[in-house]
């Protein structure tokens, strides 16, 4: 499976998305910087009087939304870390003919794909009937949960709270698996590369939710 191509400003992996949430009612300061000069204005955000949720409900909703967003960020960083290593492994296998190195690189790549496939659906293209053909993965599920949560002013349901906890546990399992692969298998590959006089494969720092 190929790594995700990315434009200069990045690219959302198929099956994932970006989320934003309304702020809670309150007084906020808006700052606009123009030509090195800052302009500030105080604004008041009021609750929609036509909705039944209380300000306490909104605060509870935003707390859970922020927890989901933290998990989505951590999962996205994990995908980026995997992609960073996979690109290097592809290049390594193209330029190195040593059988032991190529075998170790393939084995590491397979393990990284196994973890990444739990986070995003690598077979999705973002077109056609992808959503019907392939099931949702962790980041897609988190995105869907966040979207449903931010669509009103009510507090989270018991089911939303429970699903967030379950998805966080599943995400933690995959992040731990990634650390194990990068700490063990990548370290072993780099030790082999040093023996062969070949430049190491670099990784990326972890982000823990």
Protein backbone atom coordinates (compact mmCIF):
# COMPACT_ATOMS: atom_id res chain seq x y z
CA UNK A 1 0.00 0.00 0.00
CA UNK A 2 1.48 3.37 -0.98
CA UNK A 3 1.99 6.18 1.43
CA UNK A 4 -0.41 9.11 1.25
CA UNK A 5 0.70 11.81 -1.24
CA UNK A 6 0.64 15.27 0.29
CA UNK A 7 0.54 18.77 -1.13
CA UNK A 8 2.58 21.61 0.38
CA UNK A 9 -0.25 22.50 2.75
CA UNK A 10 -0.86 18.88 3.69
CA UNK A 11 -3.67 16.48 2.85
CA UNK A 12 -6.32 14.86 4.99
CA UNK A 13 -6.08 11.09 4.87
CA UNK A 14 -9.12 9.51 3.16
CA UNK A 15 -11.82 8.64 5.67
CA UNK A 16 -10.81 11.38 8.10
CA UNK A 17 -11.70 15.06 8.38
CA UNK A 18 -11.27 18.29 10.26
CA UNK A 19 -13.44 19.48 13.11
CA UNK A 20 -14.30 22.83 14.62
CA UNK A 21 -16.56 23.71 17.53
CA UNK A 22 -18.47 26.79 18.61
CA UNK A 23 -17.13 28.53 21.70
CA UNK A 24 -19.06 28.62 24.95
CA UNK A 25 -21.07 31.73 25.83
CA UNK A 26 -18.89 34.41 27.40
CA UNK A 27 -16.80 37.52 26.82
CA UNK A 28 -13.92 37.19 24.35
CA UNK A 29 -11.21 39.46 22.99
CA UNK A 30 -10.72 39.39 19.23
CA UNK A 31 -7.30 40.52 17.98
CA UNK A 32 -6.59 41.55 14.38
CA UNK A 33 -3.00 42.23 13.32
CA UNK A 34 -2.58 44.52 10.28
CA UNK A 35 0.77 45.88 9.15
CA UNK A 36 2.39 45.18 12.49
CA UNK A 37 -0.40 46.95 14.41
CA UNK A 38 -2.79 45.00 16.62
CA UNK A 39 -6.45 45.96 16.89
CA UNK A 40 -8.49 44.50 19.76
CA UNK A 41 -12.21 44.36 20.26
CA UNK A 42 -14.24 42.73 23.03
CA UNK A 43 -17.19 40.63 21.90
CA UNK A 44 -19.88 38.78 23.80
CA UNK A 45 -20.99 35.34 22.63
CA UNK A 46 -24.53 34.59 23.77
CA UNK A 47 -26.35 31.28 23.93
CA UNK A 48 -29.04 30.77 21.36
CA UNK A 49 -32.27 31.51 23.31
CA UNK A 50 -34.16 29.05 21.11
CA UNK A 51 -32.18 25.99 22.22
CA UNK A 52 -32.98 23.96 25.31
CA UNK A 53 -29.42 23.27 26.46
CA UNK A 54 -28.01 25.17 29.41
CA UNK A 55 -24.60 26.84 29.60
CA UNK A 56 -23.53 24.00 31.89
CA UNK A 57 -24.59 21.52 29.19
CA UNK A 58 -22.53 23.42 26.61
CA UNK A 59 -19.47 23.43 28.88
CA UNK A 60 -19.78 19.66 29.37
CA UNK A 61 -20.19 19.17 25.63
CA UNK A 62 -17.07 21.20 24.88
CA UNK A 63 -15.03 19.26 27.45
CA UNK A 64 -15.84 16.00 25.71
CA UNK A 65 -15.31 17.54 22.27
CA UNK A 66 -11.86 18.73 23.35
CA UNK A 67 -11.01 15.21 24.55
CA UNK A 68 -12.05 13.79 21.16
CA UNK A 69 -10.05 16.46 19.34
CA UNK A 70 -6.99 15.58 21.43
CA UNK A 71 -7.38 11.94 20.40
CA UNK A 72 -7.82 12.89 16.74
CA UNK A 73 -4.68 15.01 16.88
CA UNK A 74 -2.70 12.16 18.45
CA UNK A 75 -3.97 9.69 15.86
CA UNK A 76 -3.15 12.08 13.02
CA UNK A 77 0.38 12.58 14.33
CA UNK A 78 0.77 8.80 14.54
CA UNK A 79 -0.23 8.46 10.87
CA UNK A 80 2.25 11.20 9.96
CA UNK A 81 5.02 9.42 11.89
CA UNK A 82 4.25 6.15 10.14
CA UNK A 83 4.19 7.81 6.74
CA UNK A 84 7.52 9.50 7.46
CA UNK A 85 9.18 6.15 8.13
CA UNK A 86 7.40 4.32 5.30
CA UNK A 87 8.63 6.79 2.70
CA UNK A 88 12.19 6.21 3.89
CA UNK A 89 11.73 2.44 3.85
CA UNK A 90 10.48 2.57 0.25
CA UNK A 91 13.53 4.60 -0.76
CA UNK A 92 15.83 2.25 1.16
CA UNK A 93 14.51 -0.82 -0.64
CA UNK A 94 14.91 0.91 -4.01
CA UNK A 95 18.55 1.83 -3.54
CA UNK A 96 19.92 -1.04 -1.40
CA UNK A 97 20.36 -4.58 -2.73
CA UNK A 98 21.49 -6.22 0.53
CA UNK A 99 19.04 -9.08 1.17
CA UNK A 100 19.09 -8.79 4.97
CA UNK A 101 18.43 -5.06 4.86
CA UNK A 102 15.62 -5.41 2.33
CA UNK A 103 13.99 -8.18 4.37
CA UNK A 104 14.17 -6.16 7.61
CA UNK A 105 12.77 -3.11 5.84
CA UNK A 106 9.84 -5.09 4.41
CA UNK A 107 9.04 -6.62 7.78
CA UNK A 108 9.10 -3.21 9.46
CA UNK A 109 6.94 -1.76 6.71
CA UNK A 110 4.36 -4.53 7.16
CA UNK A 111 4.14 -3.86 10.89
CA UNK A 112 3.72 -0.13 10.32
CA UNK A 113 0.97 -0.76 7.76
CA UNK A 114 -0.81 -3.01 10.27
CA UNK A 115 -0.91 -0.19 12.83
CA UNK A 116 -1.75 2.51 10.30
CA UNK A 117 -4.61 0.41 8.91
CA UNK A 118 -6.28 0.51 12.32
CA UNK A 119 -6.10 4.32 12.32
CA UNK A 120 -7.12 5.05 8.71
CA UNK A 121 -8.48 2.97 5.84
CA UNK A 122 -5.53 2.85 3.46
CA UNK A 123 -7.62 1.48 0.59
CA UNK A 124 -9.83 4.56 0.47
CA UNK A 125 -9.25 7.07 -2.33
CA UNK A 126 -11.73 9.77 -1.28
CA UNK A 127 -13.84 9.08 -4.36
CA UNK A 128 -16.76 6.92 -5.44
CA UNK A 129 -18.17 4.28 -3.10
CA UNK A 130 -15.17 4.02 -0.77
CA UNK A 131 -17.37 4.56 2.27
CA UNK A 132 -19.52 1.59 1.27
CA UNK A 133 -16.69 -0.76 0.35
CA UNK A 134 -14.55 -0.27 3.43
CA UNK A 135 -15.42 0.03 7.09
CA UNK A 136 -14.60 3.06 9.23
CA UNK A 137 -11.31 3.12 11.12
CA UNK A 138 -10.45 4.86 14.36
CA UNK A 139 -9.89 8.38 13.07
CA UNK A 140 -13.05 8.22 11.00
CA UNK A 141 -15.04 7.04 14.02
CA UNK A 142 -13.64 9.85 16.16
CA UNK A 143 -14.47 12.36 13.46
CA UNK A 144 -18.04 11.09 13.23
CA UNK A 145 -18.45 11.19 17.01
CA UNK A 146 -17.14 14.76 17.17
CA UNK A 147 -19.47 15.84 14.37
CA UNK A 148 -22.52 14.50 16.14
CA UNK A 149 -21.48 16.05 19.41
CA UNK A 150 -20.94 19.57 18.06
CA UNK A 151 -24.24 19.81 16.22
CA UNK A 152 -26.34 21.08 19.13
CA UNK A 153 -26.23 22.80 22.53
CA UNK A 154 -27.06 19.78 24.68
CA UNK A 155 -24.75 17.87 26.99
CA UNK A 156 -23.24 14.61 25.70
CA UNK A 157 -25.40 11.53 25.91
CA UNK A 158 -24.29 8.57 28.01
CA UNK A 159 -23.65 6.69 24.77
CA UNK A 160 -21.36 9.42 23.41
CA UNK A 161 -19.36 9.44 26.63
CA UNK A 162 -19.07 5.65 26.56
CA UNK A 163 -18.03 5.55 22.89
CA UNK A 164 -15.38 8.23 23.45
CA UNK A 165 -13.87 6.17 26.27
CA UNK A 166 -13.88 3.01 24.12
CA UNK A 167 -12.28 4.77 21.16
CA UNK A 168 -9.63 6.33 23.39
CA UNK A 169 -8.74 2.89 24.73
CA UNK A 170 -8.47 1.52 21.19
CA UNK A 171 -6.35 4.48 20.13
CA UNK A 172 -4.05 4.03 23.11
CA UNK A 173 -3.55 0.39 22.08
CA UNK A 174 -2.47 1.43 18.58
CA UNK A 175 -0.20 4.21 19.82
CA UNK A 176 1.48 1.75 22.17
CA UNK A 177 1.87 -0.70 19.29
CA UNK A 178 3.47 2.03 17.20
CA UNK A 179 5.93 2.89 19.97
CA UNK A 180 6.83 -0.78 20.25
CA UNK A 181 7.49 -1.05 16.50
CA UNK A 182 9.48 2.18 16.28
CA UNK A 183 11.39 1.49 19.47
CA UNK A 184 12.14 -2.16 18.73
CA UNK A 185 11.97 -2.98 15.03
CA UNK A 186 13.15 0.39 13.77
CA UNK A 187 15.99 0.35 16.29
CA UNK A 188 17.01 -3.12 15.12
CA UNK A 189 16.90 -2.05 11.47
CA UNK A 190 19.03 1.01 12.18
CA UNK A 191 21.55 -1.15 14.04
CA UNK A 192 21.78 -3.35 10.94
CA UNK A 193 22.15 -0.29 8.72
CA UNK A 194 25.02 0.99 10.86
CA UNK A 195 26.78 -2.35 10.47
CA UNK A 196 26.40 -2.04 6.71
CA UNK A 197 27.51 1.60 6.61
CA UNK A 198 24.07 2.75 5.41
CA UNK A 199 22.40 5.93 6.77
CA UNK A 200 19.76 5.37 9.42
CA UNK A 201 16.01 5.62 8.93
CA UNK A 202 14.75 8.56 10.98
CA UNK A 203 11.61 8.59 13.08
CA UNK A 204 9.49 11.32 14.70
CA UNK A 205 8.65 12.21 18.31
CA UNK A 206 5.58 10.72 19.93
CA UNK A 207 2.46 12.62 20.97
CA UNK A 208 0.51 11.03 23.82
CA UNK A 209 -3.15 11.96 24.35
